[in-house]
Amino acid sequence: YAELNNETKPLFDRAIRGQYPSGSTIKPVMGMAALANGVITPTATRYCPGVYKVPGSRRIAREGRGGVHGLVAMRDAIGESCDVYFYALGVALGIDKIHDFLAPFGYGAKTGIDIAGEEAGLLPSREQKRQKYRNSRDPSEGVWYPGDSVNVAVGQGGRLALASMPND
């Protein structure tokens, strides 16, 4: 988001050239992806304790609004914007299924608006991350981790900070 307050680019058209994570508006589409891929049923419930332990790591992702939602079904998770519910769906789906499901909805593409200079949207993928870190000295930076899927599942791209578990 550095370009939002960049005084050296006062004419940067953020509406058509800015590239931002989708935010929580992605949650209903993530729910559809989970349904379409048999990850969950509409009435199945999951418990939201306010935190989600990322599989294969000692990291946790916290509920964005704080607190505990308790037992929630998809309808409640969307209505209450329960991050923990969608963290689990994101990991269960994995980035390849998420990417393939979102692409036909136009994620990662231009809208086609009749204004010059439009940039394509964001659609995270393994390849996109590899390209982003292709010149890194640390090859692990270009690897897709479950924590990356956690971020994508709630529309945060790579911007959601994962906290360390106690004793990390």
C-alpha atoms as a PDB file:
ATOM      1  CA  TYR A   1       0.000   0.000   0.000  1.00  0.00           C
ATOM      2  CA  ALA A   2       3.011   2.299  -0.168  1.00  0.00           C
ATOM      3  CA  GLU A   3       1.698   3.981  -3.319  1.00  0.00           C
ATOM      4  CA  LEU A   4      -1.424   5.219  -1.491  1.00  0.00           C
ATOM      5  CA  ASN A   5       0.571   7.884   0.319  1.00  0.00           C
ATOM      6  CA  ASN A   6       3.390   8.316  -2.166  1.00  0.00           C
ATOM      7  CA  GLU A   7       3.690  12.055  -2.716  1.00  0.00           C
ATOM      8  CA  THR A   8       5.920  11.505  -5.756  1.00  0.00           C
ATOM      9  CA  LYS A   9       3.024   9.911  -7.672  1.00  0.00           C
ATOM     10  CA  PRO A  10       0.085  12.288  -7.199  1.00  0.00           C
ATOM     11  CA  LEU A  11      -1.439  11.338 -10.555  1.00  0.00           C
ATOM     12  CA  PHE A  12      -1.281   7.574 -10.056  1.00  0.00           C
ATOM     13  CA  ASP A  13      -4.810   6.361 -10.819  1.00  0.00           C
ATOM     14  CA  ARG A  14      -5.376   3.948  -7.953  1.00  0.00           C
ATOM     15  CA  ALA A  15      -8.813   2.961  -9.191  1.00  0.00           C
ATOM     16  CA  ILE A  16      -7.532   1.316 -12.376  1.00  0.00           C
ATOM     17  CA  ARG A  17      -3.792   0.857 -11.766  1.00  0.00           C
ATOM     18  CA  GLY A  18      -3.643   0.001  -8.071  1.00  0.00           C
ATOM     19  CA  GLN A  19      -3.390  -3.691  -7.242  1.00  0.00           C
ATOM     20  CA  TYR A  20      -4.864  -4.590  -3.879  1.00  0.00           C
ATOM     21  CA  PRO A  21      -5.883  -7.787  -2.124  1.00  0.00           C
ATOM     22  CA  SER A  22      -9.626  -8.447  -2.355  1.00  0.00           C
ATOM     23  CA  GLY A  23     -10.276  -8.441   1.384  1.00  0.00           C
ATOM     24  CA  SER A  24     -13.224 -10.274   2.903  1.00  0.00           C
ATOM     25  CA  THR A  25     -15.301  -9.968  -0.273  1.00  0.00           C
ATOM     26  CA  ILE A  26     -13.521 -13.144  -1.363  1.00  0.00           C
ATOM     27  CA  LYS A  27     -15.075 -15.237   1.416  1.00  0.00           C
ATOM     28  CA  PRO A  28     -18.329 -16.175  -0.380  1.00  0.00           C
ATOM     29  CA  VAL A  29     -16.308 -17.244  -3.440  1.00  0.00           C
ATOM     30  CA  MET A  30     -13.974 -19.264  -1.205  1.00  0.00           C
ATOM     31  CA  GLY A  31     -17.076 -20.923   0.229  1.00  0.00           C
ATOM     32  CA  MET A  32     -18.236 -21.819  -3.274  1.00  0.00           C
ATOM     33  CA  ALA A  33     -14.779 -23.203  -4.080  1.00  0.00           C
ATOM     34  CA  ALA A  34     -14.882 -25.407  -0.986  1.00  0.00           C
ATOM     35  CA  LEU A  35     -18.370 -26.649  -1.900  1.00  0.00           C
ATOM     36  CA  ALA A  36     -17.423 -27.306  -5.521  1.00  0.00           C
ATOM     37  CA  ASN A  37     -14.327 -29.255  -4.462  1.00  0.00           C
ATOM     38  CA  GLY A  38     -16.096 -31.310  -1.805  1.00  0.00           C
ATOM     39  CA  VAL A  39     -14.110 -29.785   1.054  1.00  0.00           C
ATOM     40  CA  ILE A  40     -17.234 -28.936   3.049  1.00  0.00           C
ATOM     41  CA  THR A  41     -21.028 -29.029   2.878  1.00  0.00           C
ATOM     42  CA  PRO A  42     -23.225 -25.966   3.387  1.00  0.00           C
ATOM     43  CA  THR A  43     -24.429 -27.133   6.797  1.00  0.00           C
ATOM     44  CA  ALA A  44     -21.193 -28.606   8.138  1.00  0.00           C
ATOM     45  CA  THR A  45     -19.891 -26.679  11.095  1.00  0.00           C
ATOM     46  CA  ARG A  46     -16.423 -25.768  12.288  1.00  0.00           C
ATOM     47  CA  TYR A  47     -15.383 -24.373  15.613  1.00  0.00           C
ATOM     48  CA  CYS A  48     -13.775 -20.929  15.735  1.00  0.00           C
ATOM     49  CA  PRO A  49     -11.630 -20.569  18.862  1.00  0.00           C
ATOM     50  CA  GLY A  50     -10.324 -17.184  17.690  1.00  0.00           C
ATOM     51  CA  VAL A  51      -7.021 -18.575  16.399  1.00  0.00           C
ATOM     52  CA  TYR A  52      -5.922 -21.044  13.730  1.00  0.00           C
ATOM     53  CA  LYS A  53      -2.741 -23.083  13.951  1.00  0.00           C
ATOM     54  CA  VAL A  54      -1.189 -23.253  10.518  1.00  0.00           C
ATOM     55  CA  PRO A  55      -0.495 -26.910   9.654  1.00  0.00           C
ATOM     56  CA  GLY A  56       3.152 -27.843   9.413  1.00  0.00           C
ATOM     57  CA  SER A  57       4.350 -24.813  11.338  1.00  0.00           C
ATOM     58  CA  ARG A  58       4.334 -23.240  14.758  1.00  0.00           C
ATOM     59  CA  ARG A  59       2.508 -20.191  13.475  1.00  0.00           C
ATOM     60  CA  ILE A  60      -0.992 -19.085  14.289  1.00  0.00           C
ATOM     61  CA  ALA A  61      -3.367 -16.810  12.440  1.00  0.00           C
ATOM     62  CA  ARG A  62      -5.696 -14.795  14.620  1.00  0.00           C
ATOM     63  CA  GLU A  63      -9.332 -13.987  14.074  1.00  0.00           C
ATOM     64  CA  GLY A  64      -9.356 -10.605  12.359  1.00  0.00           C
ATOM     65  CA  ARG A  65     -12.094  -9.132  14.492  1.00  0.00           C
ATOM     66  CA  GLY A  66     -10.892 -10.755  17.662  1.00  0.00           C
ATOM     67  CA  GLY A  67     -12.951 -12.932  19.883  1.00  0.00           C
ATOM     68  CA  VAL A  68     -14.391 -16.386  19.366  1.00  0.00           C
ATOM     69  CA  HIS A  69     -17.252 -17.199  16.999  1.00  0.00           C
ATOM     70  CA  GLY A  70     -17.788 -20.684  18.377  1.00  0.00           C
ATOM     71  CA  LEU A  71     -19.486 -23.277  16.184  1.00  0.00           C
ATOM     72  CA  VAL A  72     -20.263 -21.823  12.741  1.00  0.00           C
ATOM     73  CA  ALA A  73     -21.659 -23.142   9.465  1.00  0.00           C
ATOM     74  CA  MET A  74     -20.749 -21.511   6.164  1.00  0.00           C
ATOM     75  CA  ARG A  75     -23.694 -19.117   6.192  1.00  0.00           C
ATOM     76  CA  ASP A  76     -22.716 -17.856   9.650  1.00  0.00           C
ATOM     77  CA  ALA A  77     -19.025 -17.718   8.719  1.00  0.00           C
ATOM     78  CA  ILE A  78     -19.824 -15.477   5.750  1.00  0.00           C
ATOM     79  CA  GLY A  79     -22.286 -13.330   7.723  1.00  0.00           C
ATOM     80  CA  GLU A  80     -19.908 -12.889  10.652  1.00  0.00           C
ATOM     81  CA  SER A  81     -16.808 -12.717   8.417  1.00  0.00           C
ATOM     82  CA  CYS A  82     -15.173 -15.470  10.465  1.00  0.00           C
ATOM     83  CA  ASP A  83     -11.522 -15.583   9.396  1.00  0.00           C
ATOM     84  CA  VAL A  84     -10.714 -18.824  11.241  1.00  0.00           C
ATOM     85  CA  TYR A  85     -13.386 -20.699   9.258  1.00  0.00           C
ATOM     86  CA  PHE A  86     -11.887 -19.533   5.965  1.00  0.00           C
ATOM     87  CA  TYR A  87      -8.291 -20.106   7.072  1.00  0.00           C
ATOM     88  CA  ALA A  88      -9.163 -23.801   7.384  1.00  0.00           C
ATOM     89  CA  LEU A  89     -10.936 -23.835   4.006  1.00  0.00           C
ATOM     90  CA  GLY A  90      -7.943 -22.182   2.334  1.00  0.00           C
ATOM     91  CA  VAL A  91      -5.536 -24.786   3.650  1.00  0.00           C
ATOM     92  CA  ALA A  92      -7.907 -27.651   2.808  1.00  0.00           C
ATOM     93  CA  LEU A  93      -8.307 -26.383  -0.764  1.00  0.00           C
ATOM     94  CA  GLY A  94      -4.679 -25.404  -1.366  1.00  0.00           C
ATOM     95  CA  ILE A  95      -3.562 -22.664  -3.709  1.00  0.00           C
ATOM     96  CA  ASP A  96      -3.877 -24.670  -6.917  1.00  0.00           C
ATOM     97  CA  LYS A  97      -7.599 -25.306  -6.427  1.00  0.00           C
ATOM     98  CA  ILE A  98      -8.146 -21.766  -5.168  1.00  0.00           C
ATOM     99  CA  HIS A  99      -6.383 -20.303  -8.214  1.00  0.00           C
ATOM    100  CA  ASP A 100      -8.244 -22.517 -10.674  1.00  0.00           C
ATOM    101  CA  PHE A 101     -11.616 -21.705  -9.091  1.00  0.00           C
ATOM    102  CA  LEU A 102     -11.083 -17.934  -8.896  1.00  0.00           C
ATOM    103  CA  ALA A 103      -9.733 -17.419 -12.428  1.00  0.00           C
ATOM    104  CA  PRO A 104     -13.096 -17.868 -14.241  1.00  0.00           C
ATOM    105  CA  PHE A 105     -14.585 -15.211 -11.940  1.00  0.00           C
ATOM    106  CA  GLY A 106     -12.109 -12.680 -13.316  1.00  0.00           C
ATOM    107  CA  TYR A 107      -9.657 -12.573 -10.443  1.00  0.00           C
ATOM    108  CA  GLY A 108      -6.237 -11.712 -11.803  1.00  0.00           C
ATOM    109  CA  ALA A 109      -7.634 -10.218 -15.004  1.00  0.00           C
ATOM    110  CA  LYS A 110      -8.484  -6.776 -16.281  1.00  0.00           C
ATOM    111  CA  THR A 111     -12.136  -5.763 -16.000  1.00  0.00           C
ATOM    112  CA  GLY A 112     -12.178  -4.422 -19.536  1.00  0.00           C
ATOM    113  CA  ILE A 113     -13.327  -0.981 -18.442  1.00  0.00           C
ATOM    114  CA  ASP A 114     -13.082   1.545 -21.246  1.00  0.00           C
ATOM    115  CA  ILE A 115     -10.298   3.563 -19.601  1.00  0.00           C
ATOM    116  CA  ALA A 116      -6.688   3.398 -20.737  1.00  0.00           C
ATOM    117  CA  GLY A 117      -4.024   2.138 -18.372  1.00  0.00           C
ATOM    118  CA  GLU A 118      -5.937  -0.503 -16.446  1.00  0.00           C
ATOM    119  CA  GLU A 119      -3.772  -3.097 -14.701  1.00  0.00           C
ATOM    120  CA  ALA A 120      -4.806  -6.704 -14.128  1.00  0.00           C
ATOM    121  CA  GLY A 121      -6.018  -7.720 -10.688  1.00  0.00           C
ATOM    122  CA  LEU A 122      -4.263 -10.068  -8.311  1.00  0.00           C
ATOM    123  CA  LEU A 123      -4.640 -13.845  -8.422  1.00  0.00           C
ATOM    124  CA  PRO A 124      -2.030 -15.520  -6.235  1.00  0.00           C
ATOM    125  CA  SER A 125      -0.430 -18.749  -7.428  1.00  0.00           C
ATOM    126  CA  ARG A 126       2.675 -20.844  -6.888  1.00  0.00           C
ATOM    127  CA  GLU A 127       4.148 -19.473 -10.104  1.00  0.00           C
ATOM    128  CA  GLN A 128       3.451 -15.867  -9.149  1.00  0.00           C
ATOM    129  CA  LYS A 129       5.305 -16.358  -5.853  1.00  0.00           C
ATOM    130  CA  ARG A 130       8.212 -18.108  -7.600  1.00  0.00           C
ATOM    131  CA  GLN A 131       8.531 -15.187 -10.007  1.00  0.00           C
ATOM    132  CA  LYS A 132       8.326 -12.619  -7.226  1.00  0.00           C
ATOM    133  CA  TYR A 133      11.255 -14.231  -5.395  1.00  0.00           C
ATOM    134  CA  ARG A 134      13.224 -15.518  -8.395  1.00  0.00           C
ATOM    135  CA  ASN A 135      16.233 -13.344  -7.550  1.00  0.00           C
ATOM    136  CA  SER A 136      16.177 -14.045  -3.826  1.00  0.00           C
ATOM    137  CA  ARG A 137      19.203 -15.540  -2.163  1.00  0.00           C
ATOM    138  CA  ASP A 138      16.878 -17.660  -0.032  1.00  0.00           C
ATOM    139  CA  PRO A 139      15.169 -20.271  -2.265  1.00  0.00           C
ATOM    140  CA  SER A 140      12.557 -20.984   0.442  1.00  0.00           C
ATOM    141  CA  GLU A 141      11.046 -17.531  -0.156  1.00  0.00           C
ATOM    142  CA  GLY A 142       9.598 -18.706  -3.485  1.00  0.00           C
ATOM    143  CA  VAL A 143       7.920 -21.790  -2.020  1.00  0.00           C
ATOM    144  CA  TRP A 144       4.168 -21.803  -1.415  1.00  0.00           C
ATOM    145  CA  TYR A 145       3.372 -22.620   2.227  1.00  0.00           C
ATOM    146  CA  PRO A 146       0.041 -23.397   3.947  1.00  0.00           C
ATOM    147  CA  GLY A 147       0.312 -19.994   5.637  1.00  0.00           C
ATOM    148  CA  ASP A 148       0.162 -18.395   2.193  1.00  0.00           C
ATOM    149  CA  SER A 149      -3.152 -20.151   1.537  1.00  0.00           C
ATOM    150  CA  VAL A 150      -4.392 -18.888   4.923  1.00  0.00           C
ATOM    151  CA  ASN A 151      -3.764 -15.319   3.779  1.00  0.00           C
ATOM    152  CA  VAL A 152      -5.377 -15.792   0.367  1.00  0.00           C
ATOM    153  CA  ALA A 153      -8.482 -17.429   1.871  1.00  0.00           C
ATOM    154  CA  VAL A 154      -9.440 -14.211   3.650  1.00  0.00           C
ATOM    155  CA  GLY A 155      -8.382 -11.889   0.851  1.00  0.00           C
ATOM    156  CA  GLN A 156      -5.178 -10.630   2.417  1.00  0.00           C
ATOM    157  CA  GLY A 157      -2.672 -11.773  -0.164  1.00  0.00           C
ATOM    158  CA  GLY A 158       0.707 -11.797   1.540  1.00  0.00           C
ATOM    159  CA  ARG A 159      -0.137  -8.988   3.926  1.00  0.00           C
ATOM    160  CA  LEU A 160      -1.583 -10.898   6.889  1.00  0.00           C
ATOM    161  CA  ALA A 161       1.021 -11.261   9.611  1.00  0.00           C
ATOM    162  CA  LEU A 162       1.214 -14.672  11.203  1.00  0.00           C
ATOM    163  CA  ALA A 163       2.095 -14.690  14.864  1.00  0.00           C
ATOM    164  CA  SER A 164       4.528 -17.086  16.429  1.00  0.00           C
ATOM    165  CA  MET A 165       3.207 -19.788  18.673  1.00  0.00           C
ATOM    166  CA  PRO A 166       4.333 -19.673  22.290  1.00  0.00           C
ATOM    167  CA  ASN A 167       7.744 -21.321  22.618  1.00  0.00           C
ATOM    168  CA  ASP A 168       8.434 -20.643  18.942  1.00  0.00           C
END
